[in-house]
Amino acid sequence: MESRDLIIKAFEEAGKPLKTGEIDEISGLDKKEVGNIIKKLKEEEVVFSPKRCYYNMKK
């Protein structure tokens, strides 16, 4: 499974906004890698930030 898919799966399992630290714990990925992927997902408008330092999937 690709890193991007692991992050999306983490959001789906949590069902709530997550911090990057929580995402890396759930997905098992490096925090820096999670940050880079989150940045790309934000640019693609797949995720958004409901409040500072938290991210969630767009519905």
C-alpha atoms as a PDB file:
ATOM      1  CA  MET A   1       0.000   0.000   0.000  1.00  0.00           C
ATOM      2  CA  GLU A   2       1.314   3.452  -0.892  1.00  0.00           C
ATOM      3  CA  SER A   3       2.066   6.044   1.788  1.00  0.00           C
ATOM      4  CA  ARG A   4      -0.723   8.270   0.482  1.00  0.00           C
ATOM      5  CA  ASP A   5      -3.213   5.414   0.850  1.00  0.00           C
ATOM      6  CA  LEU A   6      -2.032   4.711   4.406  1.00  0.00           C
ATOM      7  CA  ILE A   7      -2.690   8.342   5.356  1.00  0.00           C
ATOM      8  CA  ILE A   8      -6.148   8.329   3.787  1.00  0.00           C
ATOM      9  CA  LYS A   9      -6.915   5.080   5.610  1.00  0.00           C
ATOM     10  CA  ALA A  10      -5.791   6.677   8.902  1.00  0.00           C
ATOM     11  CA  PHE A  11      -8.321   9.500   8.418  1.00  0.00           C
ATOM     12  CA  GLU A  12     -11.085   7.040   7.557  1.00  0.00           C
ATOM     13  CA  GLU A  13     -10.371   4.890  10.625  1.00  0.00           C
ATOM     14  CA  ALA A  14     -10.152   7.857  13.003  1.00  0.00           C
ATOM     15  CA  GLY A  15     -13.273   9.609  11.763  1.00  0.00           C
ATOM     16  CA  LYS A  16     -12.049  12.904  13.219  1.00  0.00           C
ATOM     17  CA  PRO A  17      -9.429  15.592  12.517  1.00  0.00           C
ATOM     18  CA  LEU A  18      -5.871  14.415  13.226  1.00  0.00           C
ATOM     19  CA  LYS A  19      -2.488  16.007  13.908  1.00  0.00           C
ATOM     20  CA  THR A  20       0.481  14.859  11.826  1.00  0.00           C
ATOM     21  CA  GLY A  21       1.864  13.097  14.908  1.00  0.00           C
ATOM     22  CA  GLU A  22      -1.302  11.066  15.247  1.00  0.00           C
ATOM     23  CA  ILE A  23      -1.265  10.234  11.536  1.00  0.00           C
ATOM     24  CA  ASP A  24       2.302   8.936  11.687  1.00  0.00           C
ATOM     25  CA  GLU A  25       1.449   6.759  14.703  1.00  0.00           C
ATOM     26  CA  ILE A  26      -1.577   5.240  12.978  1.00  0.00           C
ATOM     27  CA  SER A  27       0.068   4.808   9.567  1.00  0.00           C
ATOM     28  CA  GLY A  28       3.547   3.829  10.787  1.00  0.00           C
ATOM     29  CA  LEU A  29       5.146   6.399   8.457  1.00  0.00           C
ATOM     30  CA  ASP A  30       7.873   8.913   9.244  1.00  0.00           C
ATOM     31  CA  LYS A  31       6.538  12.276  10.492  1.00  0.00           C
ATOM     32  CA  LYS A  32       8.432  14.194   7.789  1.00  0.00           C
ATOM     33  CA  GLU A  33       6.980  11.961   5.066  1.00  0.00           C
ATOM     34  CA  VAL A  34       3.483  12.443   6.516  1.00  0.00           C
ATOM     35  CA  GLY A  35       3.982  16.219   6.437  1.00  0.00           C
ATOM     36  CA  ASN A  36       5.026  16.143   2.782  1.00  0.00           C
ATOM     37  CA  ILE A  37       2.082  13.967   1.759  1.00  0.00           C
ATOM     38  CA  ILE A  38      -0.389  16.099   3.740  1.00  0.00           C
ATOM     39  CA  LYS A  39       0.935  19.165   1.923  1.00  0.00           C
ATOM     40  CA  LYS A  40       0.292  17.481  -1.441  1.00  0.00           C
ATOM     41  CA  LEU A  41      -3.162  16.308  -0.369  1.00  0.00           C
ATOM     42  CA  LYS A  42      -4.029  19.880   0.672  1.00  0.00           C
ATOM     43  CA  GLU A  43      -2.916  21.186  -2.729  1.00  0.00           C
ATOM     44  CA  GLU A  44      -5.120  18.551  -4.403  1.00  0.00           C
ATOM     45  CA  GLU A  45      -7.972  19.576  -2.063  1.00  0.00           C
ATOM     46  CA  VAL A  46      -8.329  16.054  -0.689  1.00  0.00           C
ATOM     47  CA  VAL A  47      -7.748  17.230   2.899  1.00  0.00           C
ATOM     48  CA  PHE A  48      -8.289  20.518   4.696  1.00  0.00           C
ATOM     49  CA  SER A  49      -7.299  22.068   8.008  1.00  0.00           C
ATOM     50  CA  PRO A  50     -10.339  22.732  10.220  1.00  0.00           C
ATOM     51  CA  LYS A  51      -8.065  24.343  12.813  1.00  0.00           C
ATOM     52  CA  ARG A  52      -4.357  24.959  13.263  1.00  0.00           C
ATOM     53  CA  CYS A  53      -2.224  21.797  13.130  1.00  0.00           C
ATOM     54  CA  TYR A  54      -5.207  19.503  12.474  1.00  0.00           C
ATOM     55  CA  TYR A  55      -6.208  17.900   9.177  1.00  0.00           C
ATOM     56  CA  ASN A  56      -9.283  16.079   7.948  1.00  0.00           C
ATOM     57  CA  MET A  57     -10.621  14.546   4.741  1.00  0.00           C
ATOM     58  CA  LYS A  58     -12.989  16.566   2.585  1.00  0.00           C
ATOM     59  CA  LYS A  59     -16.300  14.837   2.093  1.00  0.00           C
END
